[in-house]
């Protein structure tokens, strides 16, 4: 599922806060960047059309939505685009950047090592 940056930001609100209405999402996003309510509502409508959100209930005229799309599914094309645009299509460059430039704690490093070991084993089994 391909999403714009703004659509991803709206979907992130649903992942973090669960069921929400357009006015609630607007309040959250407005704290991050100036955006009109109608823009947020349009983004929610688009996400519903793409199958990333679904309507769950209605109170008066207020419609509530919940995320259907899993974060993993929507992150894949975004990360692929980032790798292509910024890291010359080389995933290893992104991984190196994260390890070298970001502050990782011991637990995060161990997690990355376990993922790399698992992937290496999968490649050796092929």
PDB file of N, CA and C in Angstrom:
ATOM      1  N   UNK A   1       0.854  -1.174   0.000  1.00  0.00           N
ATOM      2  CA  UNK A   1       0.000   0.000   0.000  1.00  0.00           C
ATOM      3  C   UNK A   1       0.896   1.232   0.000  1.00  0.00           C
ATOM      4  N   UNK A   2       0.738   2.068  -0.991  1.00  0.00           N
ATOM      5  CA  UNK A   2       1.556   3.266  -1.107  1.00  0.00           C
ATOM      6  C   UNK A   2       0.808   4.441  -0.483  1.00  0.00           C
ATOM      7  N   UNK A   3       1.488   5.133   0.441  1.00  0.00           N
ATOM      8  CA  UNK A   3       0.889   6.266   1.138  1.00  0.00           C
ATOM      9  C   UNK A   3       1.766   7.495   1.007  1.00  0.00           C
ATOM     10  N   UNK A   4       1.128   8.651   0.976  1.00  0.00           N
ATOM     11  CA  UNK A   4       1.880   9.897   1.001  1.00  0.00           C
ATOM     12  C   UNK A   4       2.405  10.112   2.418  1.00  0.00           C
ATOM     13  N   UNK A   5       3.315  11.051   2.562  1.00  0.00           N
ATOM     14  CA  UNK A   5       3.853  11.367   3.890  1.00  0.00           C
ATOM     15  C   UNK A   5       2.734  11.818   4.828  1.00  0.00           C
ATOM     16  N   UNK A   6       1.831  12.645   4.329  1.00  0.00           N
ATOM     17  CA  UNK A   6       0.715  13.131   5.153  1.00  0.00           C
ATOM     18  C   UNK A   6      -0.232  12.000   5.541  1.00  0.00           C
ATOM     19  N   UNK A   7      -0.509  11.093   4.604  1.00  0.00           N
ATOM     20  CA  UNK A   7      -1.363   9.944   4.916  1.00  0.00           C
ATOM     21  C   UNK A   7      -0.707   9.071   5.987  1.00  0.00           C
ATOM     22  N   UNK A   8       0.595   8.887   5.868  1.00  0.00           N
ATOM     23  CA  UNK A   8       1.331   8.096   6.859  1.00  0.00           C
ATOM     24  C   UNK A   8       1.254   8.740   8.236  1.00  0.00           C
ATOM     25  N   UNK A   9       1.346  10.053   8.269  1.00  0.00           N
ATOM     26  CA  UNK A   9       1.281  10.773   9.541  1.00  0.00           C
ATOM     27  C   UNK A   9      -0.090  10.594  10.196  1.00  0.00           C
ATOM     28  N   UNK A  10      -1.142  10.664   9.405  1.00  0.00           N
ATOM     29  CA  UNK A  10      -2.500  10.457   9.935  1.00  0.00           C
ATOM     30  C   UNK A  10      -2.646   9.027  10.441  1.00  0.00           C
ATOM     31  N   UNK A  11      -2.181   8.066   9.670  1.00  0.00           N
ATOM     32  CA  UNK A  11      -2.286   6.663  10.068  1.00  0.00           C
ATOM     33  C   UNK A  11      -1.508   6.399  11.354  1.00  0.00           C
ATOM     34  N   UNK A  12      -0.393   7.080  11.511  1.00  0.00           N
ATOM     35  CA  UNK A  12       0.421   6.952  12.726  1.00  0.00           C
ATOM     36  C   UNK A  12      -0.393   7.331  13.963  1.00  0.00           C
ATOM     37  N   UNK A  13      -1.237   8.335  13.843  1.00  0.00           N
ATOM     38  CA  UNK A  13      -2.088   8.749  14.965  1.00  0.00           C
ATOM     39  C   UNK A  13      -3.006   7.597  15.371  1.00  0.00           C
ATOM     40  N   UNK A  14      -3.568   6.914  14.394  1.00  0.00           N
ATOM     41  CA  UNK A  14      -4.456   5.782  14.695  1.00  0.00           C
ATOM     42  C   UNK A  14      -3.688   4.632  15.340  1.00  0.00           C
ATOM     43  N   UNK A  15      -2.470   4.376  14.882  1.00  0.00           N
ATOM     44  CA  UNK A  15      -1.670   3.306  15.489  1.00  0.00           C
ATOM     45  C   UNK A  15      -1.326   3.638  16.937  1.00  0.00           C
ATOM     46  N   UNK A  16      -1.067   4.910  17.207  1.00  0.00           N
ATOM     47  CA  UNK A  16      -0.656   5.308  18.555  1.00  0.00           C
ATOM     48  C   UNK A  16      -1.834   5.481  19.508  1.00  0.00           C
ATOM     49  N   UNK A  17      -2.965   5.947  18.999  1.00  0.00           N
ATOM     50  CA  UNK A  17      -4.092   6.309  19.864  1.00  0.00           C
ATOM     51  C   UNK A  17      -5.327   5.433  19.684  1.00  0.00           C
ATOM     52  N   UNK A  18      -5.307   4.517  18.736  1.00  0.00           N
ATOM     53  CA  UNK A  18      -6.469   3.657  18.522  1.00  0.00           C
ATOM     54  C   UNK A  18      -7.598   4.386  17.814  1.00  0.00           C
ATOM     55  N   UNK A  19      -8.824   3.981  18.113  1.00  0.00           N
ATOM     56  CA  UNK A  19     -10.006   4.556  17.461  1.00  0.00           C
ATOM     57  C   UNK A  19     -10.042   6.067  17.665  1.00  0.00           C
ATOM     58  N   UNK A  20     -10.321   6.792  16.579  1.00  0.00           N
ATOM     59  CA  UNK A  20     -10.336   8.249  16.610  1.00  0.00           C
ATOM     60  C   UNK A  20     -11.331   8.798  15.611  1.00  0.00           C
ATOM     61  N   UNK A  21     -11.699  10.039  15.831  1.00  0.00           N
ATOM     62  CA  UNK A  21     -12.529  10.780  14.877  1.00  0.00           C
ATOM     63  C   UNK A  21     -11.639  11.796  14.167  1.00  0.00           C
ATOM     64  N   UNK A  22     -12.124  12.348  13.081  1.00  0.00           N
ATOM     65  CA  UNK A  22     -11.361  13.354  12.343  1.00  0.00           C
ATOM     66  C   UNK A  22     -11.001  14.555  13.225  1.00  0.00           C
ATOM     67  N   UNK A  23     -11.937  15.090  14.043  1.00  0.00           N
ATOM     68  CA  UNK A  23     -11.559  16.218  14.906  1.00  0.00           C
ATOM     69  C   UNK A  23     -10.440  15.862  15.895  1.00  0.00           C
ATOM     70  N   UNK A  24     -10.471  14.637  16.425  1.00  0.00           N
ATOM     71  CA  UNK A  24      -9.424  14.215  17.361  1.00  0.00           C
ATOM     72  C   UNK A  24      -8.068  14.116  16.658  1.00  0.00           C
ATOM     73  N   UNK A  25      -8.062  13.539  15.471  1.00  0.00           N
ATOM     74  CA  UNK A  25      -6.822  13.404  14.703  1.00  0.00           C
ATOM     75  C   UNK A  25      -6.291  14.786  14.338  1.00  0.00           C
ATOM     76  N   UNK A  26      -7.183  15.689  13.956  1.00  0.00           N
ATOM     77  CA  UNK A  26      -6.782  17.046  13.606  1.00  0.00           C
ATOM     78  C   UNK A  26      -6.067  17.716  14.778  1.00  0.00           C
ATOM     79  N   UNK A  27      -6.594  17.562  15.984  1.00  0.00           N
ATOM     80  CA  UNK A  27      -5.968  18.165  17.170  1.00  0.00           C
ATOM     81  C   UNK A  27      -4.558  17.632  17.389  1.00  0.00           C
ATOM     82  N   UNK A  28      -4.372  16.339  17.186  1.00  0.00           N
ATOM     83  CA  UNK A  28      -3.050  15.728  17.380  1.00  0.00           C
ATOM     84  C   UNK A  28      -2.062  16.244  16.336  1.00  0.00           C
ATOM     85  N   UNK A  29      -2.460  16.241  15.078  1.00  0.00           N
ATOM     86  CA  UNK A  29      -1.555  16.640  13.997  1.00  0.00           C
ATOM     87  C   UNK A  29      -1.270  18.134  14.036  1.00  0.00           C
ATOM     88  N   UNK A  30      -2.255  18.910  14.422  1.00  0.00           N
ATOM     89  CA  UNK A  30      -2.083  20.362  14.480  1.00  0.00           C
ATOM     90  C   UNK A  30      -0.999  20.762  15.483  1.00  0.00           C
ATOM     91  N   UNK A  31      -0.760  19.930  16.486  1.00  0.00           N
ATOM     92  CA  UNK A  31       0.311  20.204  17.450  1.00  0.00           C
ATOM     93  C   UNK A  31       1.686  20.029  16.808  1.00  0.00           C
ATOM     94  N   UNK A  32       1.743  19.227  15.756  1.00  0.00           N
ATOM     95  CA  UNK A  32       3.000  18.939  15.072  1.00  0.00           C
ATOM     96  C   UNK A  32       3.256  19.950  13.954  1.00  0.00           C
ATOM     97  N   UNK A  33       2.210  20.229  13.174  1.00  0.00           N
ATOM     98  CA  UNK A  33       2.342  21.172  12.059  1.00  0.00           C
ATOM     99  C   UNK A  33       0.987  21.803  11.773  1.00  0.00           C
ATOM    100  N   UNK A  34       0.983  23.025  11.271  1.00  0.00           N
ATOM    101  CA  UNK A  34      -0.297  23.666  10.957  1.00  0.00           C
ATOM    102  C   UNK A  34      -0.969  22.972   9.776  1.00  0.00           C
ATOM    103  N   UNK A  35      -2.222  22.582   9.991  1.00  0.00           N
ATOM    104  CA  UNK A  35      -2.980  21.895   8.948  1.00  0.00           C
ATOM    105  C   UNK A  35      -4.460  22.152   9.202  1.00  0.00           C
ATOM    106  N   UNK A  36      -5.218  22.303   8.145  1.00  0.00           N
ATOM    107  CA  UNK A  36      -6.647  22.569   8.303  1.00  0.00           C
ATOM    108  C   UNK A  36      -7.405  21.277   8.600  1.00  0.00           C
ATOM    109  N   UNK A  37      -8.550  21.427   9.225  1.00  0.00           N
ATOM    110  CA  UNK A  37      -9.400  20.271   9.516  1.00  0.00           C
ATOM    111  C   UNK A  37      -9.808  19.576   8.220  1.00  0.00           C
ATOM    112  N   UNK A  38     -10.150  20.360   7.193  1.00  0.00           N
ATOM    113  CA  UNK A  38     -10.613  19.753   5.937  1.00  0.00           C
ATOM    114  C   UNK A  38      -9.519  18.908   5.286  1.00  0.00           C
ATOM    115  N   UNK A  39      -8.265  19.316   5.430  1.00  0.00           N
ATOM    116  CA  UNK A  39      -7.155  18.522   4.899  1.00  0.00           C
ATOM    117  C   UNK A  39      -7.064  17.184   5.621  1.00  0.00           C
ATOM    118  N   UNK A  40      -7.170  17.215   6.942  1.00  0.00           N
ATOM    119  CA  UNK A  40      -7.120  15.981   7.733  1.00  0.00           C
ATOM    120  C   UNK A  40      -8.283  15.069   7.357  1.00  0.00           C
ATOM    121  N   UNK A  41      -9.461  15.635   7.208  1.00  0.00           N
ATOM    122  CA  UNK A  41     -10.645  14.842   6.848  1.00  0.00           C
ATOM    123  C   UNK A  41     -10.462  14.204   5.469  1.00  0.00           C
ATOM    124  N   UNK A  42      -9.905  14.957   4.528  1.00  0.00           N
ATOM    125  CA  UNK A  42      -9.637  14.418   3.193  1.00  0.00           C
ATOM    126  C   UNK A  42      -8.646  13.260   3.266  1.00  0.00           C
ATOM    127  N   UNK A  43      -7.606  13.409   4.083  1.00  0.00           N
ATOM    128  CA  UNK A  43      -6.621  12.343   4.243  1.00  0.00           C
ATOM    129  C   UNK A  43      -7.262  11.091   4.848  1.00  0.00           C
ATOM    130  N   UNK A  44      -8.129  11.279   5.835  1.00  0.00           N
ATOM    131  CA  UNK A  44      -8.837  10.147   6.445  1.00  0.00           C
ATOM    132  C   UNK A  44      -9.724   9.463   5.409  1.00  0.00           C
ATOM    133  N   UNK A  45     -10.427  10.262   4.602  1.00  0.00           N
ATOM    134  CA  UNK A  45     -11.282   9.687   3.547  1.00  0.00           C
ATOM    135  C   UNK A  45     -10.454   8.863   2.558  1.00  0.00           C
ATOM    136  N   UNK A  46      -9.270   9.384   2.178  1.00  0.00           N
ATOM    137  CA  UNK A  46      -8.395   8.659   1.252  1.00  0.00           C
ATOM    138  C   UNK A  46      -7.910   7.351   1.864  1.00  0.00           C
ATOM    139  N   UNK A  47      -7.544   7.418   3.148  1.00  0.00           N
ATOM    140  CA  UNK A  47      -7.077   6.212   3.836  1.00  0.00           C
ATOM    141  C   UNK A  47      -8.183   5.170   3.937  1.00  0.00           C
ATOM    142  N   UNK A  48      -9.409   5.640   4.110  1.00  0.00           N
ATOM    143  CA  UNK A  48     -10.545   4.711   4.138  1.00  0.00           C
ATOM    144  C   UNK A  48     -10.729   4.065   2.759  1.00  0.00           C
ATOM    145  N   UNK A  49     -10.627   4.869   1.696  1.00  0.00           N
ATOM    146  CA  UNK A  49     -10.769   4.345   0.335  1.00  0.00           C
ATOM    147  C   UNK A  49      -9.676   3.331   0.000  1.00  0.00           C
ATOM    148  N   UNK A  50      -8.475   3.548   0.534  1.00  0.00           N
ATOM    149  CA  UNK A  50      -7.357   2.637   0.286  1.00  0.00           C
ATOM    150  C   UNK A  50      -7.428   1.379   1.153  1.00  0.00           C
ATOM    151  N   UNK A  51      -8.361   1.369   2.092  1.00  0.00           N
ATOM    152  CA  UNK A  51      -8.498   0.206   2.962  1.00  0.00           C
ATOM    153  C   UNK A  51      -7.586   0.225   4.171  1.00  0.00           C
ATOM    154  N   UNK A  52      -6.962   1.356   4.448  1.00  0.00           N
ATOM    155  CA  UNK A  52      -6.068   1.466   5.602  1.00  0.00           C
ATOM    156  C   UNK A  52      -6.841   1.775   6.882  1.00  0.00           C
ATOM    157  N   UNK A  53      -8.010   2.404   6.742  1.00  0.00           N
ATOM    158  CA  UNK A  53      -8.891   2.728   7.868  1.00  0.00           C
ATOM    159  C   UNK A  53     -10.276   2.179   7.586  1.00  0.00           C
ATOM    160  N   UNK A  54     -11.026   1.952   8.653  1.00  0.00           N
ATOM    161  CA  UNK A  54     -12.442   1.604   8.473  1.00  0.00           C
ATOM    162  C   UNK A  54     -13.257   2.320   9.542  1.00  0.00           C
ATOM    163  N   UNK A  55     -14.495   2.602   9.173  1.00  0.00           N
ATOM    164  CA  UNK A  55     -15.420   3.237  10.118  1.00  0.00           C
ATOM    165  C   UNK A  55     -15.825   2.212  11.170  1.00  0.00           C
ATOM    166  N   UNK A  56     -15.829   2.660  12.426  1.00  0.00           N
ATOM    167  CA  UNK A  56     -16.191   1.736  13.505  1.00  0.00           C
ATOM    168  C   UNK A  56     -17.493   2.119  14.185  1.00  0.00           C
ATOM    169  N   UNK A  57     -17.754   3.420  14.289  1.00  0.00           N
ATOM    170  CA  UNK A  57     -18.985   3.857  14.948  1.00  0.00           C
ATOM    171  C   UNK A  57     -19.282   5.301  14.577  1.00  0.00           C
ATOM    172  N   UNK A  58     -20.461   5.734  15.014  1.00  0.00           N
ATOM    173  CA  UNK A  58     -20.884   7.101  14.732  1.00  0.00           C
ATOM    174  C   UNK A  58     -21.640   7.619  15.944  1.00  0.00           C
ATOM    175  N   UNK A  59     -21.269   8.822  16.399  1.00  0.00           N
ATOM    176  CA  UNK A  59     -21.973   9.489  17.493  1.00  0.00           C
ATOM    177  C   UNK A  59     -22.470  10.824  16.959  1.00  0.00           C
ATOM    178  N   UNK A  60     -23.755  10.925  16.742  1.00  0.00           N
ATOM    179  CA  UNK A  60     -24.289  12.130  16.105  1.00  0.00           C
ATOM    180  C   UNK A  60     -23.746  12.205  14.694  1.00  0.00           C
ATOM    181  N   UNK A  61     -23.071  13.317  14.396  1.00  0.00           N
ATOM    182  CA  UNK A  61     -22.477  13.472  13.062  1.00  0.00           C
ATOM    183  C   UNK A  61     -21.001  13.079  13.034  1.00  0.00           C
ATOM    184  N   UNK A  62     -20.459  12.700  14.181  1.00  0.00           N
ATOM    185  CA  UNK A  62     -19.037  12.364  14.269  1.00  0.00           C
ATOM    186  C   UNK A  62     -18.815  10.879  13.988  1.00  0.00           C
ATOM    187  N   UNK A  63     -17.963  10.617  13.007  1.00  0.00           N
ATOM    188  CA  UNK A  63     -17.630   9.248  12.619  1.00  0.00           C
ATOM    189  C   UNK A  63     -16.288   8.877  13.246  1.00  0.00           C
ATOM    190  N   UNK A  64     -16.213   7.663  13.770  1.00  0.00           N
ATOM    191  CA  UNK A  64     -14.977   7.158  14.355  1.00  0.00           C
ATOM    192  C   UNK A  64     -14.385   6.094  13.439  1.00  0.00           C
ATOM    193  N   UNK A  65     -13.063   6.075  13.383  1.00  0.00           N
ATOM    194  CA  UNK A  65     -12.324   5.167  12.506  1.00  0.00           C
ATOM    195  C   UNK A  65     -11.283   4.409  13.318  1.00  0.00           C
ATOM    196  N   UNK A  66     -10.848   3.299  12.763  1.00  0.00           N
ATOM    197  CA  UNK A  66      -9.737   2.546  13.341  1.00  0.00           C
ATOM    198  C   UNK A  66      -8.829   2.076  12.211  1.00  0.00           C
ATOM    199  N   UNK A  67      -7.560   1.877  12.528  1.00  0.00           N
ATOM    200  CA  UNK A  67      -6.597   1.428  11.519  1.00  0.00           C
ATOM    201  C   UNK A  67      -6.821  -0.040  11.197  1.00  0.00           C
ATOM    202  N   UNK A  68      -6.816  -0.351   9.923  1.00  0.00           N
ATOM    203  CA  UNK A  68      -6.899  -1.726   9.445  1.00  0.00           C
ATOM    204  C   UNK A  68      -5.507  -2.162   8.989  1.00  0.00           C
ATOM    205  N   UNK A  69      -4.803  -1.253   8.341  1.00  0.00           N
ATOM    206  CA  UNK A  69      -3.464  -1.549   7.825  1.00  0.00           C
ATOM    207  C   UNK A  69      -2.478  -1.708   8.976  1.00  0.00           C
ATOM    208  N   UNK A  70      -1.622  -2.694   8.841  1.00  0.00           N
ATOM    209  CA  UNK A  70      -0.566  -2.932   9.824  1.00  0.00           C
ATOM    210  C   UNK A  70       0.619  -2.018   9.514  1.00  0.00           C
ATOM    211  N   UNK A  71       1.311  -1.536  10.536  1.00  0.00           N
ATOM    212  CA  UNK A  71       2.466  -0.659  10.301  1.00  0.00           C
ATOM    213  C   UNK A  71       3.499  -1.268   9.352  1.00  0.00           C
ATOM    214  N   UNK A  72       3.756  -2.560   9.476  1.00  0.00           N
ATOM    215  CA  UNK A  72       4.770  -3.224   8.653  1.00  0.00           C
ATOM    216  C   UNK A  72       4.442  -3.112   7.164  1.00  0.00           C
ATOM    217  N   UNK A  73       3.177  -3.275   6.815  1.00  0.00           N
ATOM    218  CA  UNK A  73       2.748  -3.246   5.416  1.00  0.00           C
ATOM    219  C   UNK A  73       2.924  -1.858   4.813  1.00  0.00           C
ATOM    220  N   UNK A  74       2.615  -0.836   5.580  1.00  0.00           N
ATOM    221  CA  UNK A  74       2.689   0.522   5.042  1.00  0.00           C
ATOM    222  C   UNK A  74       4.099   1.090   5.088  1.00  0.00           C
ATOM    223  N   UNK A  75       4.939   0.583   5.964  1.00  0.00           N
ATOM    224  CA  UNK A  75       6.311   1.092   6.062  1.00  0.00           C
ATOM    225  C   UNK A  75       7.182   0.615   4.904  1.00  0.00           C
ATOM    226  N   UNK A  76       6.905  -0.566   4.389  1.00  0.00           N
ATOM    227  CA  UNK A  76       7.763  -1.165   3.361  1.00  0.00           C
ATOM    228  C   UNK A  76       7.980  -0.251   2.147  1.00  0.00           C
ATOM    229  N   UNK A  77       6.921   0.277   1.504  1.00  0.00           N
ATOM    230  CA  UNK A  77       7.172   1.144   0.341  1.00  0.00           C
ATOM    231  C   UNK A  77       7.840   2.465   0.711  1.00  0.00           C
ATOM    232  N   UNK A  78       7.589   2.949   1.926  1.00  0.00           N
ATOM    233  CA  UNK A  78       8.217   4.199   2.365  1.00  0.00           C
ATOM    234  C   UNK A  78       9.715   3.988   2.541  1.00  0.00           C
ATOM    235  N   UNK A  79      10.078   2.892   3.190  1.00  0.00           N
ATOM    236  CA  UNK A  79      11.496   2.590   3.404  1.00  0.00           C
ATOM    237  C   UNK A  79      12.184   2.312   2.070  1.00  0.00           C
ATOM    238  N   UNK A  80      11.512   1.589   1.177  1.00  0.00           N
ATOM    239  CA  UNK A  80      12.073   1.310  -0.156  1.00  0.00           C
ATOM    240  C   UNK A  80      12.355   2.611  -0.896  1.00  0.00           C
ATOM    241  N   UNK A  81      11.426   3.545  -0.832  1.00  0.00           N
ATOM    242  CA  UNK A  81      11.604   4.841  -1.478  1.00  0.00           C
ATOM    243  C   UNK A  81      12.780   5.596  -0.858  1.00  0.00           C
ATOM    244  N   UNK A  82      12.884   5.561   0.455  1.00  0.00           N
ATOM    245  CA  UNK A  82      13.990   6.219   1.159  1.00  0.00           C
ATOM    246  C   UNK A  82      15.329   5.614   0.731  1.00  0.00           C
ATOM    247  N   UNK A  83      15.393   4.300   0.691  1.00  0.00           N
ATOM    248  CA  UNK A  83      16.628   3.618   0.278  1.00  0.00           C
ATOM    249  C   UNK A  83      16.999   4.011  -1.149  1.00  0.00           C
ATOM    250  N   UNK A  84      16.016   4.034  -2.036  1.00  0.00           N
ATOM    251  CA  UNK A  84      16.277   4.388  -3.437  1.00  0.00           C
ATOM    252  C   UNK A  84      16.724   5.843  -3.585  1.00  0.00           C
ATOM    253  N   UNK A  85      16.019   6.751  -2.917  1.00  0.00           N
ATOM    254  CA  UNK A  85      16.293   8.183  -3.087  1.00  0.00           C
ATOM    255  C   UNK A  85      17.545   8.651  -2.350  1.00  0.00           C
ATOM    256  N   UNK A  86      17.731   8.195  -1.128  1.00  0.00           N
ATOM    257  CA  UNK A  86      18.786   8.740  -0.274  1.00  0.00           C
ATOM    258  C   UNK A  86      20.034   7.860  -0.237  1.00  0.00           C
ATOM    259  N   UNK A  87      19.856   6.558  -0.320  1.00  0.00           N
ATOM    260  CA  UNK A  87      20.979   5.643  -0.140  1.00  0.00           C
ATOM    261  C   UNK A  87      21.348   4.873  -1.410  1.00  0.00           C
ATOM    262  N   UNK A  88      20.991   5.423  -2.558  1.00  0.00           N
ATOM    263  CA  UNK A  88      21.405   4.845  -3.833  1.00  0.00           C
ATOM    264  C   UNK A  88      20.936   3.425  -4.077  1.00  0.00           C
ATOM    265  N   UNK A  89      19.786   3.070  -3.490  1.00  0.00           N
ATOM    266  CA  UNK A  89      19.239   1.734  -3.689  1.00  0.00           C
ATOM    267  C   UNK A  89      19.939   0.648  -2.886  1.00  0.00           C
ATOM    268  N   UNK A  90      20.789   1.050  -1.926  1.00  0.00           N
ATOM    269  CA  UNK A  90      21.566   0.082  -1.141  1.00  0.00           C
ATOM    270  C   UNK A  90      21.063   0.025   0.301  1.00  0.00           C
ATOM    271  N   UNK A  91      20.314  -1.027   0.649  1.00  0.00           N
ATOM    272  CA  UNK A  91      19.816  -1.158   2.022  1.00  0.00           C
ATOM    273  C   UNK A  91      20.933  -1.172   3.060  1.00  0.00           C
ATOM    274  N   UNK A  92      22.093  -1.722   2.684  1.00  0.00           N
ATOM    275  CA  UNK A  92      23.215  -1.775   3.627  1.00  0.00           C
ATOM    276  C   UNK A  92      23.683  -0.375   4.017  1.00  0.00           C
ATOM    277  N   UNK A  93      23.533   0.586   3.103  1.00  0.00           N
ATOM    278  CA  UNK A  93      23.912   1.971   3.410  1.00  0.00           C
ATOM    279  C   UNK A  93      22.996   2.559   4.481  1.00  0.00           C
ATOM    280  N   UNK A  94      21.711   2.258   4.389  1.00  0.00           N
ATOM    281  CA  UNK A  94      20.765   2.709   5.416  1.00  0.00           C
ATOM    282  C   UNK A  94      21.092   2.057   6.750  1.00  0.00           C
ATOM    283  N   UNK A  95      21.343   0.749   6.734  1.00  0.00           N
ATOM    284  CA  UNK A  95      21.669   0.037   7.972  1.00  0.00           C
ATOM    285  C   UNK A  95      22.939   0.604   8.598  1.00  0.00           C
ATOM    286  N   UNK A  96      23.953   0.843   7.783  1.00  0.00           N
ATOM    287  CA  UNK A  96      25.204   1.412   8.290  1.00  0.00           C
ATOM    288  C   UNK A  96      24.967   2.798   8.879  1.00  0.00           C
ATOM    289  N   UNK A  97      24.160   3.591   8.199  1.00  0.00           N
ATOM    290  CA  UNK A  97      23.849   4.933   8.701  1.00  0.00           C
ATOM    291  C   UNK A  97      23.195   4.853  10.082  1.00  0.00           C
ATOM    292  N   UNK A  98      22.245   3.970  10.238  1.00  0.00           N
ATOM    293  CA  UNK A  98      21.546   3.823  11.520  1.00  0.00           C
ATOM    294  C   UNK A  98      22.525   3.417  12.614  1.00  0.00           C
ATOM    295  N   UNK A  99      23.362   2.431  12.330  1.00  0.00           N
ATOM    296  CA  UNK A  99      24.307   1.939  13.334  1.00  0.00           C
ATOM    297  C   UNK A  99      25.349   3.001  13.680  1.00  0.00           C
ATOM    298  N   UNK A 100      25.835   3.723  12.681  1.00  0.00           N
ATOM    299  CA  UNK A 100      26.905   4.696  12.903  1.00  0.00           C
ATOM    300  C   UNK A 100      26.412   6.047  13.417  1.00  0.00           C
ATOM    301  N   UNK A 101      25.234   6.487  12.990  1.00  0.00           N
ATOM    302  CA  UNK A 101      24.799   7.848  13.290  1.00  0.00           C
ATOM    303  C   UNK A 101      23.757   7.963  14.396  1.00  0.00           C
ATOM    304  N   UNK A 102      23.026   6.910  14.655  1.00  0.00           N
ATOM    305  CA  UNK A 102      21.967   6.973  15.660  1.00  0.00           C
ATOM    306  C   UNK A 102      22.486   6.449  16.996  1.00  0.00           C
ATOM    307  N   UNK A 103      21.889   6.939  18.079  1.00  0.00           N
ATOM    308  CA  UNK A 103      22.252   6.475  19.410  1.00  0.00           C
ATOM    309  C   UNK A 103      21.437   5.224  19.713  1.00  0.00           C
ATOM    310  N   UNK A 104      22.110   4.085  19.675  1.00  0.00           N
ATOM    311  CA  UNK A 104      21.449   2.810  19.932  1.00  0.00           C
ATOM    312  C   UNK A 104      21.889   2.285  21.294  1.00  0.00           C
ATOM    313  N   UNK A 105      20.931   1.785  22.062  1.00  0.00           N
ATOM    314  CA  UNK A 105      21.304   1.173  23.336  1.00  0.00           C
ATOM    315  C   UNK A 105      21.665  -0.295  23.102  1.00  0.00           C
ATOM    316  N   UNK A 106      22.159  -0.950  24.146  1.00  0.00           N
ATOM    317  CA  UNK A 106      22.607  -2.335  24.023  1.00  0.00           C
ATOM    318  C   UNK A 106      21.485  -3.249  23.541  1.00  0.00           C
ATOM    319  N   UNK A 107      20.282  -3.051  24.057  1.00  0.00           N
ATOM    320  CA  UNK A 107      19.137  -3.885  23.673  1.00  0.00           C
ATOM    321  C   UNK A 107      18.825  -3.730  22.185  1.00  0.00           C
ATOM    322  N   UNK A 108      18.871  -2.506  21.679  1.00  0.00           N
ATOM    323  CA  UNK A 108      18.603  -2.271  20.259  1.00  0.00           C
ATOM    324  C   UNK A 108      19.682  -2.912  19.382  1.00  0.00           C
ATOM    325  N   UNK A 109      20.935  -2.828  19.822  1.00  0.00           N
ATOM    326  CA  UNK A 109      22.031  -3.442  19.067  1.00  0.00           C
ATOM    327  C   UNK A 109      21.861  -4.957  19.036  1.00  0.00           C
ATOM    328  N   UNK A 110      21.509  -5.544  20.169  1.00  0.00           N
ATOM    329  CA  UNK A 110      21.290  -6.992  20.221  1.00  0.00           C
ATOM    330  C   UNK A 110      20.125  -7.404  19.318  1.00  0.00           C
ATOM    331  N   UNK A 111      19.085  -6.577  19.272  1.00  0.00           N
ATOM    332  CA  UNK A 111      17.945  -6.854  18.398  1.00  0.00           C
ATOM    333  C   UNK A 111      18.387  -6.845  16.933  1.00  0.00           C
ATOM    334  N   UNK A 112      19.161  -5.836  16.551  1.00  0.00           N
ATOM    335  CA  UNK A 112      19.654  -5.761  15.171  1.00  0.00           C
ATOM    336  C   UNK A 112      20.547  -6.954  14.848  1.00  0.00           C
ATOM    337  N   UNK A 113      21.402  -7.331  15.792  1.00  0.00           N
ATOM    338  CA  UNK A 113      22.271  -8.490  15.580  1.00  0.00           C
ATOM    339  C   UNK A 113      21.452  -9.765  15.371  1.00  0.00           C
ATOM    340  N   UNK A 114      20.380  -9.920  16.138  1.00  0.00           N
ATOM    341  CA  UNK A 114      19.551 -11.126  15.995  1.00  0.00           C
ATOM    342  C   UNK A 114      18.848 -11.155  14.642  1.00  0.00           C
ATOM    343  N   UNK A 115      18.400 -10.008  14.176  1.00  0.00           N
ATOM    344  CA  UNK A 115      17.756  -9.938  12.858  1.00  0.00           C
ATOM    345  C   UNK A 115      18.766 -10.279  11.762  1.00  0.00           C
ATOM    346  N   UNK A 116      19.972  -9.729  11.872  1.00  0.00           N
ATOM    347  CA  UNK A 116      21.010 -10.011  10.877  1.00  0.00           C
ATOM    348  C   UNK A 116      21.404 -11.489  10.898  1.00  0.00           C
ATOM    349  N   UNK A 117      21.524 -12.072  12.077  1.00  0.00           N
ATOM    350  CA  UNK A 117      21.879 -13.493  12.183  1.00  0.00           C
ATOM    351  C   UNK A 117      20.793 -14.366  11.558  1.00  0.00           C
ATOM    352  N   UNK A 118      19.539 -14.020  11.820  1.00  0.00           N
ATOM    353  CA  UNK A 118      18.418 -14.775  11.250  1.00  0.00           C
ATOM    354  C   UNK A 118      18.433 -14.686   9.723  1.00  0.00           C
ATOM    355  N   UNK A 119      18.638 -13.482   9.218  1.00  0.00           N
ATOM    356  CA  UNK A 119      18.657 -13.278   7.761  1.00  0.00           C
ATOM    357  C   UNK A 119      19.825 -14.026   7.119  1.00  0.00           C
ATOM    358  N   UNK A 120      20.982 -13.986   7.789  1.00  0.00           N
ATOM    359  CA  UNK A 120      22.167 -14.677   7.280  1.00  0.00           C
ATOM    360  C   UNK A 120      21.908 -16.183   7.211  1.00  0.00           C
ATOM    361  N   UNK A 121      21.256 -16.727   8.229  1.00  0.00           N
ATOM    362  CA  UNK A 121      20.919 -18.153   8.256  1.00  0.00           C
ATOM    363  C   UNK A 121      19.962 -18.496   7.111  1.00  0.00           C
ATOM    364  N   UNK A 122      18.966 -17.637   6.879  1.00  0.00           N
ATOM    365  CA  UNK A 122      18.020 -17.864   5.780  1.00  0.00           C
ATOM    366  C   UNK A 122      18.745 -17.913   4.436  1.00  0.00           C
ATOM    367  N   UNK A 123      19.699 -17.018   4.244  1.00  0.00           N
ATOM    368  CA  UNK A 123      20.448 -16.981   2.986  1.00  0.00           C
ATOM    369  C   UNK A 123      21.336 -18.211   2.830  1.00  0.00           C
ATOM    370  N   UNK A 124      21.902 -18.690   3.936  1.00  0.00           N
ATOM    371  CA  UNK A 124      22.750 -19.892   3.888  1.00  0.00           C
ATOM    372  C   UNK A 124      21.935 -21.147   3.623  1.00  0.00           C
ATOM    373  N   UNK A 125      20.678 -21.156   4.069  1.00  0.00           N
ATOM    374  CA  UNK A 125      19.803 -22.312   3.866  1.00  0.00           C
ATOM    375  C   UNK A 125      19.331 -22.433   2.417  1.00  0.00           C
ATOM    376  N   UNK A 126      19.384 -21.326   1.683  1.00  0.00           N
ATOM    377  CA  UNK A 126      18.901 -21.337   0.284  1.00  0.00           C
ATOM    378  C   UNK A 126      19.824 -22.032  -0.630  1.00  0.00           C
TER     379      UNK A 126
END
